[in-house]
Amino acid sequence: MSDNILKDIEKFLELKNYTDYEFKEVCGLTFAFKREIVTIKGRISSASIAPVGIIYEENGQYYLAPLDEAVNINETVKEYVEKCI
């Protein structure tokens, strides 16, 4: 398939992918979660939420202990820590 056909199908189906991060405190630990949502014509087609790391404080600095080294959300975590902690 050519790229144009794929783009036409995405446009026809109004296919959209969303990825964002959410932070929740559980038992005194702050967990970072990754949410991925796929919509077709404005309706959720699939969604997933998965923990990606734990934010912790050590010697006055905040760090992310990733649960999967393939995920890089360090800038998002830094922004969260500056605003919320």
C-alpha atoms as a PDB file:
ATOM      1  CA  MET A   1       0.000   0.000   0.000  1.00  0.00           C
ATOM      2  CA  SER A   2       1.201   3.467  -0.688  1.00  0.00           C
ATOM      3  CA  ASP A   3       1.446   6.154   1.966  1.00  0.00           C
ATOM      4  CA  ASN A   4      -1.369   8.106   0.304  1.00  0.00           C
ATOM      5  CA  ILE A   5      -3.821   5.210   0.628  1.00  0.00           C
ATOM      6  CA  LEU A   6      -2.958   4.784   4.315  1.00  0.00           C
ATOM      7  CA  LYS A   7      -3.427   8.496   4.933  1.00  0.00           C
ATOM      8  CA  ASP A   8      -6.761   8.399   3.072  1.00  0.00           C
ATOM      9  CA  ILE A   9      -7.930   5.489   5.254  1.00  0.00           C
ATOM     10  CA  GLU A  10      -6.816   7.303   8.438  1.00  0.00           C
ATOM     11  CA  LYS A  11      -8.649  10.428   7.298  1.00  0.00           C
ATOM     12  CA  PHE A  12     -11.814   8.494   6.360  1.00  0.00           C
ATOM     13  CA  LEU A  13     -11.865   6.648   9.703  1.00  0.00           C
ATOM     14  CA  GLU A  14     -10.819   9.791  11.614  1.00  0.00           C
ATOM     15  CA  LEU A  15      -8.151   7.608  13.228  1.00  0.00           C
ATOM     16  CA  LYS A  16      -6.317   9.329  16.077  1.00  0.00           C
ATOM     17  CA  ASN A  17      -3.684   8.125  18.555  1.00  0.00           C
ATOM     18  CA  TYR A  18      -3.230   9.783  21.934  1.00  0.00           C
ATOM     19  CA  THR A  19      -0.447   9.160  24.427  1.00  0.00           C
ATOM     20  CA  ASP A  20      -0.100  10.900  27.764  1.00  0.00           C
ATOM     21  CA  TYR A  21       1.211  10.305  31.265  1.00  0.00           C
ATOM     22  CA  GLU A  22      -0.605  10.319  34.573  1.00  0.00           C
ATOM     23  CA  PHE A  23       0.824  10.371  38.089  1.00  0.00           C
ATOM     24  CA  LYS A  24      -0.806   8.739  41.116  1.00  0.00           C
ATOM     25  CA  GLU A  25       0.313   8.438  44.717  1.00  0.00           C
ATOM     26  CA  VAL A  26      -0.200   4.955  46.127  1.00  0.00           C
ATOM     27  CA  CYS A  27       0.948   3.983  49.632  1.00  0.00           C
ATOM     28  CA  GLY A  28       3.346   6.938  49.777  1.00  0.00           C
ATOM     29  CA  LEU A  29       4.939   6.233  46.383  1.00  0.00           C
ATOM     30  CA  THR A  30       4.302   8.274  43.252  1.00  0.00           C
ATOM     31  CA  PHE A  31       3.782   6.075  40.205  1.00  0.00           C
ATOM     32  CA  ALA A  32       3.966   7.269  36.599  1.00  0.00           C
ATOM     33  CA  PHE A  33       1.475   5.652  34.216  1.00  0.00           C
ATOM     34  CA  LYS A  34       1.406   5.791  30.417  1.00  0.00           C
ATOM     35  CA  ARG A  35      -2.016   5.993  28.763  1.00  0.00           C
ATOM     36  CA  GLU A  36      -2.485   5.156  25.094  1.00  0.00           C
ATOM     37  CA  ILE A  37      -5.845   5.667  23.390  1.00  0.00           C
ATOM     38  CA  VAL A  38      -6.863   4.991  19.781  1.00  0.00           C
ATOM     39  CA  THR A  39     -10.078   6.531  18.484  1.00  0.00           C
ATOM     40  CA  ILE A  40     -12.007   5.880  15.294  1.00  0.00           C
ATOM     41  CA  LYS A  41     -14.564   8.516  14.283  1.00  0.00           C
ATOM     42  CA  GLY A  42     -14.360  10.023  17.772  1.00  0.00           C
ATOM     43  CA  ARG A  43     -15.076   6.785  19.641  1.00  0.00           C
ATOM     44  CA  ILE A  44     -12.546   4.858  21.671  1.00  0.00           C
ATOM     45  CA  SER A  45     -11.397   1.826  19.735  1.00  0.00           C
ATOM     46  CA  SER A  46      -8.735   0.688  22.171  1.00  0.00           C
ATOM     47  CA  ALA A  47      -7.029   1.957  25.272  1.00  0.00           C
ATOM     48  CA  SER A  48      -4.310   0.872  27.644  1.00  0.00           C
ATOM     49  CA  ILE A  49      -2.755   2.118  30.833  1.00  0.00           C
ATOM     50  CA  ALA A  50       0.514   0.760  32.162  1.00  0.00           C
ATOM     51  CA  PRO A  51       2.883   1.709  34.989  1.00  0.00           C
ATOM     52  CA  VAL A  52       6.204   2.975  33.634  1.00  0.00           C
ATOM     53  CA  GLY A  53       8.066   4.029  36.757  1.00  0.00           C
ATOM     54  CA  ILE A  54       8.212   5.254  40.334  1.00  0.00           C
ATOM     55  CA  ILE A  55       9.273   8.775  41.307  1.00  0.00           C
ATOM     56  CA  TYR A  56      11.359   8.931  44.450  1.00  0.00           C
ATOM     57  CA  GLU A  57      13.352  11.529  46.407  1.00  0.00           C
ATOM     58  CA  GLU A  58      16.950  11.021  47.431  1.00  0.00           C
ATOM     59  CA  ASN A  59      19.219  13.708  48.945  1.00  0.00           C
ATOM     60  CA  GLY A  60      16.812  16.482  47.933  1.00  0.00           C
ATOM     61  CA  GLN A  61      16.658  15.361  44.295  1.00  0.00           C
ATOM     62  CA  TYR A  62      13.776  13.570  42.563  1.00  0.00           C
ATOM     63  CA  TYR A  63      14.420  10.580  40.319  1.00  0.00           C
ATOM     64  CA  LEU A  64      12.455   8.206  38.143  1.00  0.00           C
ATOM     65  CA  ALA A  65      13.038   4.493  38.624  1.00  0.00           C
ATOM     66  CA  PRO A  66      11.779   3.144  35.287  1.00  0.00           C
ATOM     67  CA  LEU A  67      10.013  -0.188  35.226  1.00  0.00           C
ATOM     68  CA  ASP A  68      10.957  -0.530  31.547  1.00  0.00           C
ATOM     69  CA  GLU A  69      14.165   0.996  30.184  1.00  0.00           C
ATOM     70  CA  ALA A  70      12.555   1.425  26.734  1.00  0.00           C
ATOM     71  CA  VAL A  71      10.273   4.230  27.991  1.00  0.00           C
ATOM     72  CA  ASN A  72      11.780   7.718  28.163  1.00  0.00           C
ATOM     73  CA  ILE A  73       9.527  10.144  30.042  1.00  0.00           C
ATOM     74  CA  ASN A  74      12.209  12.010  31.975  1.00  0.00           C
ATOM     75  CA  GLU A  75      11.134  15.477  30.756  1.00  0.00           C
ATOM     76  CA  THR A  76       7.490  14.759  31.638  1.00  0.00           C
ATOM     77  CA  VAL A  77       8.504  13.582  35.116  1.00  0.00           C
ATOM     78  CA  LYS A  78      10.730  16.637  35.624  1.00  0.00           C
ATOM     79  CA  GLU A  79       7.806  18.937  34.752  1.00  0.00           C
ATOM     80  CA  TYR A  80       5.496  17.013  37.101  1.00  0.00           C
ATOM     81  CA  VAL A  81       7.973  17.216  39.993  1.00  0.00           C
ATOM     82  CA  GLU A  82       8.505  20.957  39.507  1.00  0.00           C
ATOM     83  CA  LYS A  83       4.751  21.676  39.467  1.00  0.00           C
ATOM     84  CA  CYS A  84       3.350  19.160  41.932  1.00  0.00           C
ATOM     85  CA  ILE A  85       5.931  18.040  44.467  1.00  0.00           C
END
